[in-house]
Amino acid sequence: MRGECCQFIGMGAGSVYALLFLSKGTDEVAVIHFMHSVWACIVQVVNSQNAGLLPFLPAAADEYDPVSGAKLKPFLLLVGCQAVLYVAAFLLSRGNGRVAKSKDA
């Protein structure tokens, strides 16, 4: 759990840096969107398995009973929405070069 919290703090700090100092909607921030996309997709798959929604994968850990699995379903909706937004942001950002700033200001 502590490792996950450290990861979230690191991802959040990188996101704040990108928000403040990088050019919006460009290749510079595409890597941040990609990082979040990968995270959200993996979390979605792992928690879907733990909720019992992916029966074709090996059984989830013993501590996830049907009651615990049912509690994950609202979280899956939230993370699924995040994953869609992150992937869309990545696809819209990648391939866009940095906008040159005019010196005639």
Protein backbone atom coordinates (compact mmCIF):
# COMPACT_ATOMS: atom_id res chain seq x y z
CA MET A 1 0.00 0.00 0.00
CA ARG A 2 2.80 2.44 0.80
CA GLY A 3 4.39 1.77 -2.58
CA GLU A 4 1.12 2.59 -4.32
CA CYS A 5 0.80 5.81 -2.36
CA CYS A 6 4.33 6.80 -3.36
CA GLN A 7 3.47 6.10 -6.99
CA PHE A 8 0.36 8.27 -6.78
CA ILE A 9 2.31 11.14 -5.22
CA GLY A 10 4.97 10.85 -7.92
CA MET A 11 2.42 10.76 -10.73
CA GLY A 12 0.57 13.70 -9.20
CA ALA A 13 3.73 15.76 -8.80
CA GLY A 14 4.69 15.06 -12.42
CA SER A 15 1.21 16.09 -13.52
CA VAL A 16 1.36 19.37 -11.58
CA TYR A 17 4.75 20.11 -13.12
CA ALA A 18 3.38 19.38 -16.60
CA LEU A 19 0.35 21.57 -15.95
CA LEU A 20 2.46 24.52 -14.83
CA PHE A 21 5.50 24.37 -17.08
CA LEU A 22 4.85 22.36 -20.27
CA SER A 23 2.98 23.36 -23.43
CA LYS A 24 -0.60 22.15 -23.27
CA GLY A 25 -1.81 19.72 -25.94
CA THR A 26 1.65 18.91 -27.30
CA ASP A 27 4.11 16.03 -27.39
CA GLU A 28 5.61 17.43 -24.19
CA VAL A 29 2.54 16.46 -22.16
CA ALA A 30 1.60 13.37 -24.18
CA VAL A 31 3.96 11.30 -22.02
CA ILE A 32 2.04 12.33 -18.88
CA HIS A 33 -1.26 11.34 -20.50
CA PHE A 34 0.29 8.05 -21.64
CA MET A 35 1.54 7.29 -18.12
CA HIS A 36 -1.92 7.90 -16.68
CA SER A 37 -3.56 5.87 -19.47
CA VAL A 38 -1.41 2.83 -18.74
CA TRP A 39 -2.04 3.15 -14.99
CA ALA A 40 -5.83 3.44 -15.41
CA CYS A 41 -6.07 0.53 -17.86
CA ILE A 42 -4.04 -1.77 -15.59
CA VAL A 43 -6.05 -0.77 -12.52
CA GLN A 44 -9.24 -1.42 -14.48
CA VAL A 45 -8.18 -4.94 -15.44
CA VAL A 46 -6.85 -5.89 -12.00
CA ASN A 47 -9.90 -4.62 -10.14
CA SER A 48 -12.27 -6.13 -12.72
CA GLN A 49 -10.65 -9.49 -11.99
CA ASN A 50 -10.97 -8.91 -8.24
CA ALA A 51 -14.65 -8.00 -8.69
CA GLY A 52 -15.21 -11.29 -10.54
CA LEU A 53 -15.99 -9.63 -13.87
CA LEU A 54 -13.23 -11.42 -15.82
CA PRO A 55 -13.92 -15.14 -15.32
CA PHE A 56 -11.48 -16.13 -18.08
CA LEU A 57 -8.51 -14.92 -15.97
CA PRO A 58 -7.11 -16.92 -13.03
CA ALA A 59 -9.06 -16.55 -9.80
CA ALA A 60 -8.48 -13.41 -7.76
CA ALA A 61 -6.85 -13.55 -4.35
CA ASP A 62 -8.79 -15.31 -1.59
CA GLU A 63 -9.45 -12.08 0.31
CA TYR A 64 -11.80 -10.92 -2.47
CA ASP A 65 -15.14 -12.56 -1.77
CA PRO A 66 -18.35 -11.67 -3.66
CA VAL A 67 -19.23 -8.96 -1.12
CA SER A 68 -15.82 -7.32 -1.49
CA GLY A 69 -16.01 -7.67 -5.26
CA ALA A 70 -19.36 -5.87 -5.33
CA LYS A 71 -17.79 -2.94 -3.48
CA LEU A 72 -15.29 -2.53 -6.34
CA LYS A 73 -17.91 -1.94 -9.03
CA PRO A 74 -18.42 1.82 -8.40
CA PHE A 75 -14.64 2.21 -8.37
CA LEU A 76 -14.48 0.42 -11.73
CA LEU A 77 -16.89 2.94 -13.22
CA LEU A 78 -14.76 5.82 -11.95
CA VAL A 79 -11.46 4.36 -13.17
CA GLY A 80 -13.04 3.35 -16.48
CA CYS A 81 -14.09 6.96 -17.08
CA GLN A 82 -10.61 8.13 -16.13
CA ALA A 83 -9.06 5.63 -18.54
CA VAL A 84 -11.21 6.88 -21.42
CA LEU A 85 -10.28 10.51 -20.68
CA TYR A 86 -6.57 9.74 -20.29
CA VAL A 87 -6.41 7.76 -23.54
CA ALA A 88 -8.30 10.51 -25.38
CA ALA A 89 -5.95 13.17 -23.99
CA PHE A 90 -2.94 11.12 -25.03
CA LEU A 91 -4.24 10.56 -28.55
CA LEU A 92 -5.08 14.24 -28.96
CA SER A 93 -1.71 15.42 -27.59
CA ARG A 94 0.73 13.11 -29.34
CA GLY A 95 2.10 14.27 -32.64
CA ASN A 96 1.50 17.93 -31.87
CA GLY A 97 4.76 19.85 -31.89
CA ARG A 98 5.51 22.61 -29.46
CA VAL A 99 3.94 25.92 -30.45
CA ALA A 100 6.64 28.48 -31.20
CA LYS A 101 6.29 31.67 -29.21
CA SER A 102 6.42 34.88 -31.18
CA LYS A 103 9.24 37.31 -30.39
CA ASP A 104 7.14 40.24 -31.63
CA ALA A 105 5.35 40.90 -28.36
